Protein backbone atom coordinates (compact mmCIF):
# COMPACT_ATOMS: atom_id res chain seq x y z
CA UNK A 1 0.00 0.00 0.00
CA UNK A 2 1.48 3.36 -0.99
CA UNK A 3 0.22 6.68 0.31
CA UNK A 4 1.27 9.69 -1.79
CA UNK A 5 1.28 13.20 -0.34
CA UNK A 6 1.86 16.13 -2.73
CA UNK A 7 0.85 18.86 -0.28
CA UNK A 8 4.35 20.19 0.36
CA UNK A 9 5.61 23.74 0.22
CA UNK A 10 8.67 22.94 -1.92
CA UNK A 11 6.73 20.92 -4.54
CA UNK A 12 8.47 17.60 -3.84
CA UNK A 13 6.56 14.35 -3.39
CA UNK A 14 6.66 12.75 0.04
CA UNK A 15 5.10 9.37 0.65
CA UNK A 16 5.22 6.30 2.87
CA UNK A 17 5.26 2.67 1.72
CA UNK A 18 3.71 0.26 4.23
CA UNK A 19 4.88 -3.38 4.44
CA UNK A 20 2.91 -6.12 6.23
CA UNK A 21 4.79 -9.20 7.49
CA UNK A 22 2.46 -12.21 7.75
CA UNK A 23 2.72 -15.74 9.11
CA UNK A 24 1.84 -18.82 6.97
CA UNK A 25 -1.85 -18.54 7.99
CA UNK A 26 -2.00 -14.91 6.78
CA UNK A 27 -2.06 -13.24 10.22
CA UNK A 28 -0.24 -9.90 10.38
CA UNK A 29 2.84 -10.14 12.61
CA UNK A 30 4.39 -6.72 12.04
CA UNK A 31 3.86 -3.48 10.10
CA UNK A 32 6.87 -1.58 8.74
CA UNK A 33 6.90 1.86 7.10
CA UNK A 34 9.46 3.12 4.57
CA UNK A 35 9.46 6.91 4.34
CA UNK A 36 10.42 8.56 1.03
CA UNK A 37 11.02 12.23 0.23
CA UNK A 38 13.11 14.68 2.20
CA UNK A 39 11.58 13.86 5.62
CA UNK A 40 13.49 10.95 7.21
CA UNK A 41 14.67 10.02 3.72
CA UNK A 42 14.94 6.26 3.24
CA UNK A 43 14.26 5.24 6.83
CA UNK A 44 12.44 2.06 7.83
CA UNK A 45 10.27 2.16 10.94
CA UNK A 46 8.64 -0.68 12.86
CA UNK A 47 5.15 0.75 13.43
CA UNK A 48 3.22 -2.18 14.95
CA UNK A 49 3.86 -5.62 16.42
CA UNK A 50 0.80 -7.86 16.66
CA UNK A 51 0.52 -10.12 19.73
CA UNK A 52 -0.81 -13.68 19.54
CA UNK A 53 -1.46 -16.46 22.03
CA UNK A 54 -3.97 -19.12 20.97
CA UNK A 55 -5.74 -16.20 19.23
CA UNK A 56 -4.93 -12.55 18.61
CA UNK A 57 -4.41 -10.71 21.92
CA UNK A 58 -3.70 -7.20 20.67
CA UNK A 59 -0.86 -5.10 19.30
CA UNK A 60 2.12 -3.06 20.41
CA UNK A 61 2.26 0.41 18.83
CA UNK A 62 5.88 1.39 18.22
CA UNK A 63 7.91 3.99 16.43
CA UNK A 64 11.18 2.09 16.18
CA UNK A 65 13.53 3.54 13.56
CA UNK A 66 15.62 0.88 11.82
CA UNK A 67 17.83 3.15 9.69
CA UNK A 68 21.45 2.11 9.30
CA UNK A 69 23.15 0.42 12.23
CA UNK A 70 21.43 2.62 14.82
CA UNK A 71 18.11 1.48 16.24
CA UNK A 72 16.18 4.34 17.80
CA UNK A 73 12.77 4.24 19.50
CA UNK A 74 11.38 7.79 19.55
CA UNK A 75 8.35 7.04 21.73
CA UNK A 76 7.57 4.59 24.49
CA UNK A 77 5.83 1.53 23.02
CA UNK A 78 2.18 1.19 24.02
CA UNK A 79 0.48 -2.21 24.13
CA UNK A 80 -3.24 -2.50 23.32
CA UNK A 81 -5.01 -5.65 24.50
CA UNK A 82 -8.24 -6.74 22.82
CA UNK A 83 -10.99 -8.19 25.03
CA UNK A 84 -13.17 -10.53 22.98
CA UNK A 85 -16.30 -12.63 23.43
CA UNK A 86 -16.62 -16.36 22.64
CA UNK A 87 -17.09 -15.59 18.91
CA UNK A 88 -13.86 -13.59 18.67
CA UNK A 89 -15.55 -10.18 18.36
CA UNK A 90 -13.55 -7.37 19.97
CA UNK A 91 -15.69 -5.81 22.71
CA UNK A 92 -13.13 -3.48 24.28
CA UNK A 93 -9.50 -2.43 23.89
CA UNK A 94 -7.42 -1.57 26.94
CA UNK A 95 -3.90 -0.17 27.14
CA UNK A 96 -0.91 -0.71 29.39
CA UNK A 97 -0.51 3.06 29.78
CA UNK A 98 -0.76 4.23 33.40
CA UNK A 99 -4.05 5.83 34.38
CA UNK A 100 -5.54 7.58 37.39
CA UNK A 101 -6.61 5.10 40.06
CA UNK A 102 -6.70 1.34 39.69
CA UNK A 103 -8.72 1.34 36.44
CA UNK A 104 -7.17 0.28 33.10
CA UNK A 105 -6.88 2.81 30.29
CA UNK A 106 -9.79 2.05 27.95
CA UNK A 107 -9.11 2.81 24.27
CA UNK A 108 -12.43 1.67 22.73
């Protein structure tokens, strides 16, 4: 999937190519982004890591730059856990981010 953005002040094209790494069953394991143009030119970033047990548990949102020999994580990774019913429908998503009190951080 390629997203093209031509709304730049200098007239150059800037876009991001998204790569999905899948297991043999077709489940997404990781999402990588390759940025083109003059912002972070040519850098690869690990954007998401999907978490599985017997079924899908959730995903870890990351911004891990994989350019060159240096690996740099610009933000703290946040894990989202999906709470499902017996049919596998996602009913709620909670996060591992700290919240006020003893309640989990509810995303959806």
